[in-house]
C-alpha atoms as a PDB file:
ATOM      1  CA  ARG A   1       0.074   0.001  -0.103  1.00  0.00           C
ATOM      2  CA  HIS A   2       2.888   2.391   0.794  1.00  0.00           C
ATOM      3  CA  LEU A   3       4.273   1.893  -2.741  1.00  0.00           C
ATOM      4  CA  ARG A   4       1.013   2.563  -4.505  1.00  0.00           C
ATOM      5  CA  GLY A   5       1.518   5.225  -7.293  1.00  0.00           C
ATOM      6  CA  THR A   6       5.585   4.932  -6.855  1.00  0.00           C
ATOM      7  CA  GLY A   7       5.794   2.751  -9.991  1.00  0.00           C
ATOM      8  CA  VAL A   8       7.373  -0.124  -7.729  1.00  0.00           C
ATOM      9  CA  LEU A   9       5.768  -3.411  -8.223  1.00  0.00           C
ATOM     10  CA  VAL A  10       5.894  -6.146  -5.750  1.00  0.00           C
ATOM     11  CA  THR A  11       5.600  -9.980  -5.991  1.00  0.00           C
ATOM     12  CA  THR A  12       5.220 -12.169  -2.952  1.00  0.00           C
ATOM     13  CA  LEU A  13       6.798 -15.632  -3.970  1.00  0.00           C
ATOM     14  CA  CYS A  14       5.895 -18.618  -1.945  1.00  0.00           C
ATOM     15  CA  PRO A  15       7.905 -21.653  -3.200  1.00  0.00           C
ATOM     16  CA  GLY A  16       7.662 -25.266  -2.016  1.00  0.00           C
ATOM     17  CA  PHE A  17      10.851 -27.235  -1.179  1.00  0.00           C
ATOM     18  CA  VAL A  18      13.863 -26.025  -3.033  1.00  0.00           C
ATOM     19  CA  LYS A  19      17.040 -28.275  -3.031  1.00  0.00           C
ATOM     20  CA  THR A  20      19.822 -26.264  -1.371  1.00  0.00           C
ATOM     21  CA  PRO A  21      22.491 -26.937   1.143  1.00  0.00           C
ATOM     22  CA  MET A  22      20.214 -26.026   3.876  1.00  0.00           C
ATOM     23  CA  THR A  23      17.406 -28.395   2.750  1.00  0.00           C
ATOM     24  CA  GLU A  24      19.771 -31.297   2.295  1.00  0.00           C
ATOM     25  CA  LYS A  25      19.895 -31.581   6.115  1.00  0.00           C
ATOM     26  CA  ASN A  26      16.099 -31.991   6.286  1.00  0.00           C
ATOM     27  CA  GLU A  27      15.066 -35.593   7.538  1.00  0.00           C
ATOM     28  CA  HIS A  28      11.380 -35.094   6.850  1.00  0.00           C
ATOM     29  CA  PRO A  29       9.876 -35.631   3.433  1.00  0.00           C
ATOM     30  CA  MET A  30       9.990 -32.787   1.056  1.00  0.00           C
ATOM     31  CA  PRO A  31       7.324 -33.449  -1.641  1.00  0.00           C
ATOM     32  CA  GLN A  32       7.907 -31.992  -4.993  1.00  0.00           C
ATOM     33  CA  VAL A  33      11.375 -30.785  -4.101  1.00  0.00           C
ATOM     34  CA  MET A  34      12.741 -28.740  -6.949  1.00  0.00           C
ATOM     35  CA  THR A  35      16.201 -27.353  -7.889  1.00  0.00           C
ATOM     36  CA  ALA A  36      17.127 -23.799  -7.226  1.00  0.00           C
ATOM     37  CA  GLU A  37      17.561 -23.109 -10.989  1.00  0.00           C
ATOM     38  CA  TYR A  38      13.999 -24.412 -11.702  1.00  0.00           C
ATOM     39  CA  ALA A  39      12.430 -22.338  -8.882  1.00  0.00           C
ATOM     40  CA  ALA A  40      14.232 -19.247 -10.075  1.00  0.00           C
ATOM     41  CA  ARG A  41      12.889 -19.684 -13.519  1.00  0.00           C
ATOM     42  CA  ARG A  42       9.391 -19.926 -12.105  1.00  0.00           C
ATOM     43  CA  MET A  43       9.946 -16.841  -9.812  1.00  0.00           C
ATOM     44  CA  ILE A  44      11.095 -14.735 -12.789  1.00  0.00           C
ATOM     45  CA  ARG A  45       8.243 -15.814 -15.078  1.00  0.00           C
ATOM     46  CA  ALA A  46       5.837 -14.817 -12.316  1.00  0.00           C
ATOM     47  CA  ILE A  47       7.479 -11.497 -11.714  1.00  0.00           C
ATOM     48  CA  ARG A  48       7.690 -10.459 -15.345  1.00  0.00           C
ATOM     49  CA  ALA A  49       3.871 -11.619 -15.479  1.00  0.00           C
ATOM     50  CA  GLY A  50       2.975  -9.044 -12.729  1.00  0.00           C
ATOM     51  CA  LYS A  51       1.672 -11.549 -10.339  1.00  0.00           C
ATOM     52  CA  LYS A  52       1.115 -10.061  -6.778  1.00  0.00           C
ATOM     53  CA  VAL A  53       1.361 -13.391  -5.251  1.00  0.00           C
ATOM     54  CA  TYR A  54       2.754 -16.793  -6.634  1.00  0.00           C
ATOM     55  CA  ASN A  55       2.670 -20.019  -4.731  1.00  0.00           C
ATOM     56  CA  PHE A  56       4.199 -22.895  -6.395  1.00  0.00           C
ATOM     57  CA  PRO A  57       4.212 -26.030  -7.089  1.00  0.00           C
ATOM     58  CA  TRP A  58       0.460 -26.019  -7.509  1.00  0.00           C
ATOM     59  CA  LEU A  59      -0.023 -29.621  -6.129  1.00  0.00           C
ATOM     60  CA  LEU A  60       1.895 -28.712  -2.808  1.00  0.00           C
ATOM     61  CA  THR A  61       0.015 -25.349  -2.492  1.00  0.00           C
ATOM     62  CA  ARG A  62      -3.267 -27.316  -2.732  1.00  0.00           C
ATOM     63  CA  LEU A  63      -2.207 -29.954  -0.214  1.00  0.00           C
ATOM     64  CA  VAL A  64      -1.126 -27.125   2.191  1.00  0.00           C
ATOM     65  CA  LYS A  65      -4.533 -25.385   1.859  1.00  0.00           C
ATOM     66  CA  LEU A  66      -6.430 -28.751   2.347  1.00  0.00           C
ATOM     67  CA  SER A  67      -4.376 -29.444   5.470  1.00  0.00           C
ATOM     68  CA  GLY A  68      -5.917 -26.499   7.154  1.00  0.00           C
ATOM     69  CA  TRP A  69      -9.250 -28.346   6.981  1.00  0.00           C
ATOM     70  CA  ALA A  70      -7.907 -31.446   8.531  1.00  0.00           C
ATOM     71  CA  PRO A  71      -8.012 -32.191  12.265  1.00  0.00           C
ATOM     72  CA  ASP A  72      -4.738 -31.523  14.084  1.00  0.00           C
ATOM     73  CA  ALA A  73      -4.141 -35.115  14.991  1.00  0.00           C
ATOM     74  CA  VAL A  74      -4.080 -35.973  11.112  1.00  0.00           C
ATOM     75  CA  VAL A  75      -1.693 -32.939  10.348  1.00  0.00           C
ATOM     76  CA  ASN A  76       0.606 -33.398  13.219  1.00  0.00           C
END
């Protein structure tokens, strides 16, 4: 809101799991893990398209949203 009218555009990027040295240490499952290069290409495409919010990959995004409806005992 503070940038309105300034010509500055903002895109909120919400990637799933990206394979990096930090995530290599994870012992939990990382569904749909992607390379940093692939994630970067997707982010650049979303920024160029002028998206305000970009969540990806779509399947993981849907699963996370659906988990909000599941009982805590199922999710945890």
